[in-house]
């Protein structure tokens, strides 16, 4: 199929993911860099899930949310990375129409779900610090499960609306997507449809998705900070802040990257590609690192697991 002359989106059978516009000799370096970051993200998130599931001391609401965060990071990085890695070695760099729809659907599903889950985690920290005596009552297993299921539900609804709206556009300008993966803004650039209504609806969707989660996070931390500042002892304040620092770091990285990407003008597509890597590959890699380095419970559980493995290894060597 040629690049032009397609008057209806149903006639498009595939797209081309342009990726980074760099010299061919740099493809190997980028491939190795992508592979390293993706592998570290996989190992980190799988390791985090194993630690949480195997240590009974981590059977608390905070770690229940953290385990789900690792699952989401694992899946949504896997929606993007494998195809991007293949395209470094592929001459055609093509993705089928169905594959593009699936990629956009899953990406939106997991990224929106993560936003709502981070808001739920902020609420969890608010209850833990501002109402510690009622924490076990208010953050019941039922409520935690409802918050996680609700996060996935919001992600699914948002994904269905965004994906269906995007692929009702007509793609007759080109089939070359100037991006690393199928995303709404790059697809808009190759559409010949009137984008006014599409952009208005997209803005409305983003507003009802991002604003509630950001408001919950900001309000929770306003109450947390005001409560912590009332603690007289320096050690007490430090301990209270340490329980929130990991979550705050994850929120800052994710929302900072998302805002940067979607506020970057279309005239800088390469900059947008680099920034998009922050929340598609770098954030899933950093999240387990942030929580393992800043969280005492996770560090103790890791030492326990590593200690057992070292002991088992030494026992085997002794028997040999």
Protein backbone atom coordinates (compact mmCIF):
# COMPACT_ATOMS: atom_id res chain seq x y z
CA UNK A 1 0.00 0.00 0.00
CA UNK A 2 1.27 3.44 -0.82
CA UNK A 3 1.70 6.23 1.65
CA UNK A 4 -1.08 8.29 0.15
CA UNK A 5 -4.50 7.85 -1.31
CA UNK A 6 -6.18 6.09 1.59
CA UNK A 7 -9.50 7.78 2.16
CA UNK A 8 -10.85 5.64 4.96
CA UNK A 9 -9.24 4.18 8.04
CA UNK A 10 -10.63 0.70 7.24
CA UNK A 11 -8.44 0.58 4.09
CA UNK A 12 -5.25 0.93 6.15
CA UNK A 13 -3.83 -2.54 6.76
CA UNK A 14 -0.67 -1.51 8.58
CA UNK A 15 1.38 1.40 9.87
CA UNK A 16 5.11 2.13 10.00
CA UNK A 17 6.68 3.01 13.35
CA UNK A 18 9.44 5.43 12.37
CA UNK A 19 11.19 5.39 15.76
CA UNK A 20 14.32 7.46 16.31
CA UNK A 21 15.71 9.22 13.24
CA UNK A 22 19.35 8.31 13.84
CA UNK A 23 22.19 6.85 11.81
CA UNK A 24 21.94 3.06 11.28
CA UNK A 25 25.17 2.41 13.20
CA UNK A 26 23.52 3.81 16.34
CA UNK A 27 20.71 1.26 16.18
CA UNK A 28 22.86 -1.39 17.91
CA UNK A 29 23.65 0.98 20.78
CA UNK A 30 19.99 1.95 21.16
CA UNK A 31 18.95 -1.71 20.98
CA UNK A 32 21.35 -2.64 23.79
CA UNK A 33 20.25 0.36 25.87
CA UNK A 34 16.56 -0.48 25.43
CA UNK A 35 17.22 -4.14 26.18
CA UNK A 36 19.15 -3.30 29.37
CA UNK A 37 16.49 -0.94 30.70
CA UNK A 38 13.65 -3.33 29.81
CA UNK A 39 15.45 -6.32 31.36
CA UNK A 40 16.15 -4.37 34.56
CA UNK A 41 12.48 -3.36 34.70
CA UNK A 42 11.36 -6.98 34.27
CA UNK A 43 13.74 -8.30 36.91
CA UNK A 44 12.96 -5.49 39.34
CA UNK A 45 9.18 -5.80 39.11
CA UNK A 46 9.14 -9.60 39.15
CA UNK A 47 11.53 -9.49 42.12
CA UNK A 48 9.28 -7.01 43.92
CA UNK A 49 6.24 -9.25 43.41
CA UNK A 50 8.15 -12.29 44.68
CA UNK A 51 9.35 -10.42 47.78
CA UNK A 52 5.83 -9.18 48.62
CA UNK A 53 4.21 -12.60 48.07
CA UNK A 54 6.80 -14.59 50.05
CA UNK A 55 7.21 -12.38 53.13
CA UNK A 56 4.21 -12.49 55.53
CA UNK A 57 5.34 -9.22 57.15
CA UNK A 58 4.51 -7.42 53.90
CA UNK A 59 0.88 -8.52 53.98
CA UNK A 60 -0.36 -4.94 54.44
CA UNK A 61 -2.39 -2.53 52.27
CA UNK A 62 0.68 -0.54 51.23
CA UNK A 63 2.45 -3.61 49.86
CA UNK A 64 -0.76 -4.90 48.30
CA UNK A 65 -0.88 -1.70 46.25
CA UNK A 66 2.85 -1.90 45.56
CA UNK A 67 2.48 -5.44 44.23
CA UNK A 68 -0.24 -4.29 41.85
CA UNK A 69 1.95 -1.36 40.79
CA UNK A 70 4.69 -3.84 39.85
CA UNK A 71 2.19 -5.88 37.81
CA UNK A 72 1.07 -2.78 35.91
CA UNK A 73 4.67 -1.64 35.28
CA UNK A 74 5.57 -5.12 34.06
CA UNK A 75 2.71 -5.24 31.58
CA UNK A 76 2.71 -1.74 30.16
CA UNK A 77 6.46 -1.73 29.54
CA UNK A 78 5.97 -5.08 27.77
CA UNK A 79 3.35 -3.50 25.52
CA UNK A 80 5.98 -1.09 24.16
CA UNK A 81 9.49 -2.54 24.54
CA UNK A 82 9.39 -5.85 22.55
CA UNK A 83 8.06 -4.20 19.37
CA UNK A 84 10.53 -1.31 19.73
CA UNK A 85 13.41 -3.80 20.10
CA UNK A 86 12.30 -5.75 17.02
CA UNK A 87 12.06 -2.56 14.96
CA UNK A 88 15.73 -1.76 15.56
CA UNK A 89 16.53 -4.80 13.37
CA UNK A 90 13.55 -4.61 11.03
CA UNK A 91 13.75 -2.77 7.72
CA UNK A 92 9.99 -2.38 7.30
CA UNK A 93 9.28 -1.33 10.95
CA UNK A 94 5.64 -2.11 10.26
CA UNK A 95 2.84 -2.87 12.70
CA UNK A 96 -0.53 -4.21 11.60
CA UNK A 97 -3.68 -2.13 12.03
CA UNK A 98 -4.98 -4.60 14.62
CA UNK A 99 -1.59 -4.59 16.36
CA UNK A 100 -1.63 -0.79 16.53
CA UNK A 101 -5.16 -0.79 17.99
CA UNK A 102 -4.14 -3.40 20.56
CA UNK A 103 -0.97 -1.55 21.52
CA UNK A 104 -2.79 1.76 22.05
CA UNK A 105 -5.60 0.07 23.98
CA UNK A 106 -3.28 -1.78 26.36
CA UNK A 107 -0.96 1.19 26.81
CA UNK A 108 -3.81 3.55 27.75
CA UNK A 109 -5.34 0.86 29.97
CA UNK A 110 -2.21 0.37 32.06
CA UNK A 111 -1.00 3.99 32.19
CA UNK A 112 -4.42 5.27 33.35
CA UNK A 113 -4.74 2.40 35.82
CA UNK A 114 -1.35 3.33 37.27
CA UNK A 115 -2.47 6.94 37.72
CA UNK A 116 -5.54 5.89 39.71
CA UNK A 117 -3.53 3.33 41.68
CA UNK A 118 -1.00 6.00 42.69
CA UNK A 119 -3.93 8.12 43.92
CA UNK A 120 -5.16 5.14 45.97
CA UNK A 121 -1.65 4.73 47.41
CA UNK A 122 -1.61 8.43 48.37
CA UNK A 123 -4.92 7.94 50.20
CA UNK A 124 -3.42 4.90 51.95
CA UNK A 125 -0.47 6.98 53.19
CA UNK A 126 -2.88 9.74 54.30
CA UNK A 127 -4.84 7.28 56.47
CA UNK A 128 -1.63 5.67 57.82
CA UNK A 129 -0.14 8.99 58.97
CA UNK A 130 -3.20 11.11 59.79
CA UNK A 131 -5.38 8.37 61.31
CA UNK A 132 -2.97 5.62 62.39
CA UNK A 133 -5.28 4.17 65.08
CA UNK A 134 -8.04 3.60 62.51
CA UNK A 135 -5.73 2.45 59.72
CA UNK A 136 -6.45 -1.28 59.94
CA UNK A 137 -10.20 -0.59 60.10
CA UNK A 138 -10.43 1.98 57.33
CA UNK A 139 -7.96 0.32 54.94
CA UNK A 140 -9.68 -3.05 55.06
CA UNK A 141 -8.95 -5.86 52.60
CA UNK A 142 -12.32 -5.19 50.96
CA UNK A 143 -11.62 -1.47 50.45
CA UNK A 144 -8.12 -2.14 49.09
CA UNK A 145 -9.51 -4.66 46.61
CA UNK A 146 -12.23 -2.21 45.57
CA UNK A 147 -9.67 0.55 45.00
CA UNK A 148 -7.52 -1.71 42.81
CA UNK A 149 -10.50 -3.05 40.84
CA UNK A 150 -11.81 0.51 40.48
CA UNK A 151 -8.43 1.62 39.12
CA UNK A 152 -8.51 -1.11 36.47
CA UNK A 153 -12.14 -0.29 35.64
CA UNK A 154 -11.33 3.41 35.12
CA UNK A 155 -8.33 2.42 33.00
CA UNK A 156 -10.46 0.08 30.88
CA UNK A 157 -13.24 2.64 30.31
CA UNK A 158 -10.69 5.34 29.42
CA UNK A 159 -8.89 2.97 27.06
CA UNK A 160 -12.06 1.92 25.26
CA UNK A 161 -13.12 5.55 24.75
CA UNK A 162 -9.68 6.79 23.67
CA UNK A 163 -8.93 3.88 21.35
CA UNK A 164 -12.33 3.84 19.65
CA UNK A 165 -12.22 7.60 19.19
CA UNK A 166 -8.68 7.50 17.73
CA UNK A 167 -9.35 4.75 15.23
CA UNK A 168 -12.53 6.31 13.88
CA UNK A 169 -10.21 8.89 12.28
CA UNK A 170 -9.35 8.62 8.60
CA UNK A 171 -5.66 8.00 7.88
CA UNK A 172 -5.01 9.25 4.37
CA UNK A 173 -2.08 11.61 4.86
CA UNK A 174 0.44 8.85 5.55
CA UNK A 175 0.80 5.54 7.34
CA UNK A 176 4.20 6.42 8.86
CA UNK A 177 3.79 7.09 12.61
CA UNK A 178 6.65 9.32 13.73
CA UNK A 179 6.94 7.69 17.13
CA UNK A 180 8.20 4.56 18.92
CA UNK A 181 4.74 3.08 19.40
CA UNK A 182 1.10 3.73 18.52
CA UNK A 183 -0.07 6.75 20.51
CA UNK A 184 -2.91 9.22 20.05
CA UNK A 185 -0.92 12.37 19.18
CA UNK A 186 1.33 10.77 16.50
CA UNK A 187 -1.75 9.17 14.96
CA UNK A 188 -3.48 12.56 14.86
CA UNK A 189 -0.58 13.90 12.77
CA UNK A 190 -1.20 11.39 9.97
CA UNK A 191 -4.97 11.81 9.96
CA UNK A 192 -6.83 13.81 7.34
CA UNK A 193 -9.98 14.08 9.48
CA UNK A 194 -11.15 17.27 11.15
CA UNK A 195 -9.43 17.00 14.53
CA UNK A 196 -11.27 19.79 16.38
CA UNK A 197 -13.91 17.57 18.00
CA UNK A 198 -11.37 14.79 18.53
CA UNK A 199 -9.00 17.13 20.38
CA UNK A 200 -11.83 18.58 22.48
CA UNK A 201 -12.99 15.11 23.53
CA UNK A 202 -9.39 14.02 24.20
CA UNK A 203 -8.85 17.10 26.37
CA UNK A 204 -12.07 16.36 28.26
CA UNK A 205 -11.02 12.73 28.82
CA UNK A 206 -7.57 13.77 30.03
CA UNK A 207 -9.16 16.30 32.39
CA UNK A 208 -11.54 13.81 34.02
CA UNK A 209 -8.72 11.25 34.28
CA UNK A 210 -5.78 13.36 35.43
CA UNK A 211 -7.47 16.04 37.55
CA UNK A 212 -9.17 13.69 40.09
CA UNK A 213 -5.99 11.66 40.62
CA UNK A 214 -3.81 14.76 40.95
CA UNK A 215 -6.29 16.38 43.36
CA UNK A 216 -6.41 13.25 45.55
CA UNK A 217 -2.60 13.09 45.63
CA UNK A 218 -2.14 16.82 46.38
CA UNK A 219 -4.86 16.95 49.07
CA UNK A 220 -3.52 13.77 50.70
CA UNK A 221 -0.02 15.20 50.89
CA UNK A 222 -1.23 18.56 52.19
CA UNK A 223 -2.82 16.74 55.14
CA UNK A 224 0.22 14.47 55.51
CA UNK A 225 2.67 17.39 55.63
CA UNK A 226 0.50 19.34 58.09
CA UNK A 227 0.26 16.27 60.34
CA UNK A 228 3.97 15.46 60.16
CA UNK A 229 4.96 19.04 61.00
CA UNK A 230 2.98 18.73 64.24
CA UNK A 231 5.18 15.84 65.36
CA UNK A 232 7.62 17.24 67.90
CA UNK A 233 10.50 14.77 67.60
CA UNK A 234 12.85 14.97 64.62
CA UNK A 235 13.06 11.19 64.50
CA UNK A 236 9.28 10.91 64.36
CA UNK A 237 9.03 13.38 61.49
CA UNK A 238 11.80 11.62 59.63
CA UNK A 239 10.12 8.23 60.05
CA UNK A 240 6.76 9.60 58.88
CA UNK A 241 8.25 11.27 55.81
CA UNK A 242 10.25 8.14 54.93
CA UNK A 243 7.02 6.16 54.49
CA UNK A 244 5.90 8.64 51.81
CA UNK A 245 9.16 9.50 50.05
CA UNK A 246 9.13 6.44 47.77
CA UNK A 247 5.57 7.05 46.63
CA UNK A 248 6.25 10.75 46.10
CA UNK A 249 9.31 9.91 44.01
CA UNK A 250 7.32 7.54 41.77
CA UNK A 251 4.51 10.10 41.34
CA UNK A 252 6.98 12.85 40.45
CA UNK A 253 8.76 10.76 37.79
CA UNK A 254 5.55 9.50 36.16
CA UNK A 255 3.51 12.72 36.13
CA UNK A 256 6.55 14.84 35.29
CA UNK A 257 7.27 12.73 32.20
CA UNK A 258 3.61 12.57 31.11
CA UNK A 259 3.10 16.33 31.43
CA UNK A 260 6.36 17.01 29.59
CA UNK A 261 5.41 14.73 26.68
CA UNK A 262 1.90 16.07 26.21
CA UNK A 263 2.90 19.71 26.64
CA UNK A 264 5.77 19.43 24.15
CA UNK A 265 4.81 21.07 20.81
CA UNK A 266 4.40 18.82 17.76
CA UNK A 267 7.35 20.64 16.19
CA UNK A 268 9.71 18.64 18.47
CA UNK A 269 8.80 14.98 17.81
CA UNK A 270 12.27 13.66 18.69
CA UNK A 271 12.12 15.35 22.10
CA UNK A 272 8.68 13.83 22.65
CA UNK A 273 10.06 10.37 21.83
CA UNK A 274 12.86 10.69 24.38
CA UNK A 275 10.49 11.98 27.06
CA UNK A 276 7.99 9.19 26.38
CA UNK A 277 10.69 6.67 27.26
CA UNK A 278 10.64 8.05 30.81
CA UNK A 279 7.21 6.62 31.55
CA UNK A 280 7.23 3.66 29.15
CA UNK A 281 10.60 2.13 30.10
CA UNK A 282 12.48 4.22 32.68
CA UNK A 283 9.62 4.56 35.20
CA UNK A 284 8.91 0.79 35.32
CA UNK A 285 12.64 0.26 35.88
CA UNK A 286 12.94 2.94 38.58
CA UNK A 287 9.82 2.08 40.61
CA UNK A 288 11.16 -1.15 42.18
CA UNK A 289 14.54 0.51 42.72
CA UNK A 290 12.97 3.49 44.49
CA UNK A 291 10.86 1.28 46.76
CA UNK A 292 13.63 -1.23 47.49
CA UNK A 293 16.15 1.48 48.36
CA UNK A 294 13.81 3.75 50.36
CA UNK A 295 11.55 1.19 52.05
CA UNK A 296 12.73 -0.56 55.21
CA UNK A 297 10.22 -3.41 54.92
CA UNK A 298 11.29 -4.29 51.38
CA UNK A 299 15.01 -4.05 52.26
CA UNK A 300 14.57 -6.40 55.24
CA UNK A 301 12.58 -8.87 53.15
CA UNK A 302 15.27 -8.78 50.44
CA UNK A 303 18.01 -9.42 53.03
CA UNK A 304 16.01 -12.35 54.37
CA UNK A 305 15.57 -13.91 50.92
CA UNK A 306 19.17 -13.29 49.90
CA UNK A 307 20.38 -14.62 53.25
CA UNK A 308 18.43 -17.85 52.74
CA UNK A 309 19.80 -18.26 49.22
CA UNK A 310 23.38 -17.70 50.38
CA UNK A 311 22.89 -20.18 53.23
CA UNK A 312 21.44 -22.78 50.82
CA UNK A 313 24.31 -22.22 48.38
CA UNK A 314 26.90 -22.62 51.16
CA UNK A 315 25.16 -25.81 52.34
CA UNK A 316 25.33 -27.28 48.85
CA UNK A 317 29.03 -26.39 48.58
CA UNK A 318 29.66 -28.04 51.96
CA UNK A 319 27.93 -31.24 50.83
CA UNK A 320 29.95 -31.28 47.64
